[in-house]
N, C-alpha and C. Protein backbone atom coordinates (compact mmCIF):
# COMPACT_ATOMS: atom_id res chain seq x y z
N MET A 1 -11.83 -25.57 -41.01
CA MET A 1 -10.82 -25.81 -39.80
C MET A 1 -10.77 -24.97 -38.31
N LEU A 2 -10.55 -25.49 -37.48
CA LEU A 2 -10.61 -24.32 -36.30
C LEU A 2 -8.89 -24.97 -36.14
N THR A 3 -8.15 -23.69 -35.53
CA THR A 3 -6.83 -24.18 -34.96
C THR A 3 -6.63 -23.53 -33.84
N GLN A 4 -5.64 -24.24 -32.91
CA GLN A 4 -5.40 -23.93 -31.56
C GLN A 4 -4.82 -22.53 -31.48
N VAL A 5 -5.17 -21.69 -30.69
CA VAL A 5 -4.19 -20.26 -30.12
C VAL A 5 -3.70 -20.40 -28.53
N ASN A 6 -2.31 -20.26 -29.63
CA ASN A 6 -1.23 -19.92 -27.91
C ASN A 6 -1.90 -18.24 -27.32
N MET A 7 -2.54 -18.17 -26.13
CA MET A 7 -3.09 -17.14 -25.87
C MET A 7 -1.53 -16.08 -25.52
N GLU A 8 -0.70 -17.20 -24.67
CA GLU A 8 0.51 -16.16 -24.19
C GLU A 8 1.08 -15.41 -25.53
N ASN A 9 0.87 -15.93 -27.23
CA ASN A 9 1.38 -15.01 -27.68
C ASN A 9 0.83 -14.19 -28.16
N LEU A 10 -0.29 -13.84 -27.86
CA LEU A 10 -1.25 -12.43 -27.97
C LEU A 10 -0.63 -11.73 -27.69
N PRO A 11 -0.51 -10.37 -28.48
CA PRO A 11 -0.55 -8.98 -27.36
C PRO A 11 -1.51 -8.64 -26.86
N SER A 12 -2.71 -8.66 -27.19
CA SER A 12 -3.56 -8.53 -26.26
C SER A 12 -3.54 -8.63 -24.56
N PHE A 13 -2.84 -10.26 -24.72
CA PHE A 13 -2.65 -10.82 -23.46
C PHE A 13 -1.15 -10.83 -22.82
N ARG A 14 -0.33 -10.50 -23.41
CA ARG A 14 1.27 -9.51 -23.04
C ARG A 14 0.54 -8.52 -22.14
N TRP A 15 -0.04 -7.65 -23.33
CA TRP A 15 -0.15 -6.30 -22.33
C TRP A 15 -0.78 -6.31 -21.41
N GLY A 16 -2.17 -7.60 -21.13
CA GLY A 16 -2.86 -7.21 -19.83
C GLY A 16 -2.16 -8.04 -18.60
N MET A 17 -0.78 -8.97 -19.31
CA MET A 17 -0.13 -9.51 -18.01
C MET A 17 0.83 -8.67 -17.75
N GLU A 18 1.41 -7.54 -18.39
CA GLU A 18 1.98 -6.44 -17.83
C GLU A 18 1.88 -5.66 -17.47
N LYS A 19 0.70 -5.64 -17.19
CA LYS A 19 -0.42 -4.01 -16.67
C LYS A 19 -0.61 -4.73 -15.26
N GLY A 20 -1.13 -6.17 -15.03
CA GLY A 20 -1.29 -6.83 -13.63
C GLY A 20 0.13 -6.53 -12.93
N ILE A 21 1.04 -7.38 -13.75
CA ILE A 21 2.27 -7.25 -12.79
C ILE A 21 2.45 -5.63 -12.23
N GLU A 22 2.10 -4.71 -12.96
CA GLU A 22 2.69 -3.24 -12.66
C GLU A 22 1.61 -2.80 -11.45
N ARG A 23 0.66 -2.98 -11.97
CA ARG A 23 -0.39 -2.79 -10.89
C ARG A 23 -0.13 -3.62 -9.18
N GLY A 24 0.12 -4.65 -9.77
CA GLY A 24 0.50 -5.49 -8.23
C GLY A 24 1.93 -4.89 -7.67
N ILE A 25 2.82 -4.55 -8.38
CA ILE A 25 4.34 -3.99 -7.90
C ILE A 25 3.59 -2.68 -7.00
N GLU A 26 2.83 -1.61 -7.78
CA GLU A 26 2.14 -0.34 -6.92
C GLU A 26 1.32 -0.60 -5.96
N ARG A 27 0.49 -1.47 -5.92
CA ARG A 27 -0.16 -1.69 -4.77
C ARG A 27 0.64 -2.16 -3.56
N GLY A 28 1.86 -3.26 -4.19
CA GLY A 28 3.01 -3.54 -2.88
C GLY A 28 3.55 -2.48 -1.98
N MET A 29 4.11 -1.68 -3.49
CA MET A 29 4.71 -0.53 -2.65
C MET A 29 4.24 0.27 -1.75
N GLU A 30 2.76 1.01 -2.37
CA GLU A 30 1.73 1.18 -1.56
C GLU A 30 1.28 0.66 -0.36
N LYS A 31 1.46 -0.31 -0.12
CA LYS A 31 0.90 -1.29 0.99
C LYS A 31 2.29 -1.19 2.06
N GLY A 32 3.71 -1.21 1.36
CA GLY A 32 5.04 -0.98 2.37
C GLY A 32 4.87 0.12 2.85
N ILE A 33 4.76 1.64 2.00
CA ILE A 33 4.74 2.98 2.62
C ILE A 33 3.71 3.25 3.45
N GLN A 34 2.74 2.34 3.22
CA GLN A 34 1.66 2.33 4.48
C GLN A 34 2.14 1.46 5.85
N ASP A 35 2.58 0.83 5.90
CA ASP A 35 3.00 -0.30 7.08
C ASP A 35 4.49 0.43 7.62
N GLU A 36 5.39 1.26 6.47
CA GLU A 36 6.60 2.06 7.60
C GLU A 36 5.70 2.86 8.40
N ARG A 37 4.63 3.69 7.38
CA ARG A 37 4.09 5.15 8.72
C ARG A 37 3.41 4.28 9.70
N LEU A 38 2.63 3.36 9.69
CA LEU A 38 2.17 3.02 10.90
C LEU A 38 3.07 2.66 11.79
N ARG A 39 4.19 2.08 11.44
CA ARG A 39 5.23 1.45 12.51
C ARG A 39 6.21 2.50 13.06
N LEU A 40 5.88 3.71 12.23
CA LEU A 40 6.86 5.08 12.82
C LEU A 40 5.53 5.54 13.57
N ALA A 41 4.51 6.17 13.16
CA ALA A 41 3.69 6.79 14.24
C ALA A 41 3.64 5.34 15.83
N HIS A 42 3.63 4.52 15.73
CA HIS A 42 3.45 3.56 17.10
C HIS A 42 4.32 4.06 17.89
N GLN A 43 5.78 3.90 17.00
CA GLN A 43 7.42 4.64 17.70
C GLN A 43 7.10 5.52 17.91
N LEU A 44 6.17 6.51 17.40
CA LEU A 44 5.98 8.09 18.16
C LEU A 44 4.93 8.24 18.99
N LEU A 45 4.23 7.23 19.60
CA LEU A 45 3.36 8.06 20.43
C LEU A 45 3.64 8.09 21.60
N ASP A 46 4.98 7.89 21.88
CA ASP A 46 5.26 8.23 23.99
C ASP A 46 6.05 9.63 23.34
N LEU A 47 6.48 9.42 22.28
CA LEU A 47 7.07 10.87 22.47
C LEU A 47 6.15 12.12 21.90
N LEU A 48 4.97 11.91 21.07
CA LEU A 48 4.57 13.11 20.40
C LEU A 48 2.84 13.56 20.92
N ASP A 49 2.52 13.89 20.53
CA ASP A 49 1.40 14.03 20.10
C ASP A 49 0.73 13.83 18.96
N ASP A 50 -0.68 13.47 19.05
CA ASP A 50 -1.42 12.74 17.99
C ASP A 50 -1.50 13.92 16.48
N GLU A 51 -1.97 15.05 16.63
CA GLU A 51 -1.62 16.01 15.65
C GLU A 51 0.27 15.71 15.10
N THR A 52 1.07 15.97 15.87
CA THR A 52 2.36 16.24 15.08
C THR A 52 2.49 14.78 14.59
N ILE A 53 2.41 13.56 15.22
CA ILE A 53 2.24 12.40 14.44
C ILE A 53 1.57 12.29 13.59
N ALA A 54 0.47 12.86 13.38
CA ALA A 54 0.00 12.47 11.93
C ALA A 54 0.67 13.58 10.69
N ASP A 55 1.29 14.92 11.10
CA ASP A 55 2.01 15.82 10.22
C ASP A 55 2.91 15.00 9.64
N LYS A 56 3.95 14.56 10.63
CA LYS A 56 5.48 13.78 10.18
C LYS A 56 4.94 12.77 9.74
N THR A 57 4.04 12.33 9.80
CA THR A 57 3.62 10.38 8.86
C THR A 57 2.96 10.97 7.74
N GLY A 58 2.13 11.39 7.63
CA GLY A 58 1.28 11.73 6.72
C GLY A 58 0.28 10.84 6.67
N LEU A 59 0.09 10.63 8.01
CA LEU A 59 -1.64 9.55 8.30
C LEU A 59 -2.47 10.52 8.70
N PRO A 60 -3.67 10.35 8.53
CA PRO A 60 -5.05 11.11 8.83
C PRO A 60 -5.03 10.96 10.75
N LEU A 61 -5.31 11.92 11.29
CA LEU A 61 -5.27 11.87 12.59
C LEU A 61 -6.19 11.36 13.06
N GLU A 62 -7.28 11.16 12.55
CA GLU A 62 -8.37 10.01 13.12
C GLU A 62 -7.59 8.19 13.15
N GLU A 63 -6.36 8.32 12.47
CA GLU A 63 -5.72 6.79 11.92
C GLU A 63 -4.71 6.81 13.48
N VAL A 64 -4.26 8.08 13.43
CA VAL A 64 -3.49 8.01 14.83
C VAL A 64 -4.24 8.34 15.97
N MET A 65 -5.24 8.63 16.54
CA MET A 65 -6.15 8.44 17.54
C MET A 65 -6.40 7.17 17.61
N ALA A 66 -6.85 6.55 16.56
CA ALA A 66 -7.46 5.16 16.71
C ALA A 66 -6.15 3.98 17.19
N LEU A 67 -4.56 4.64 16.87
CA LEU A 67 -3.64 3.64 17.08
C LEU A 67 -3.37 3.82 18.25
N ARG A 68 -3.35 5.02 19.25
CA ARG A 68 -3.26 5.44 19.95
C ARG A 68 -3.71 4.57 21.14
N LYS A 69 -4.98 4.45 21.19
CA LYS A 69 -6.07 3.83 21.82
C LYS A 69 -6.27 2.00 21.73
N ALA A 70 -5.43 1.76 20.51
CA ALA A 70 -5.81 0.40 20.59
C ALA A 70 -4.55 0.22 21.27
N SER A 71 -3.07 1.13 21.33
CA SER A 71 -2.05 0.60 21.96
C SER A 71 -2.37 1.06 23.52
N SER A 72 -3.29 1.83 23.87
CA SER A 72 -3.42 1.68 25.07
C SER A 72 -3.83 0.40 26.01
């Protein structure tokens, strides 16, 4: 006789859900940090050269250069 199994009660299901939530939170935090770096770099474009902006924000120089070009 077959019985129904509530997937939510399985330890592996709960573990998978927890890991998925953790991964989503980490990705959200990483995106927030990246967005803040870009916002800061954009504000610094009129004040500093590309190399200094890249150094202070942690963004790759190429990304700062592309941001400057897009802002022109």
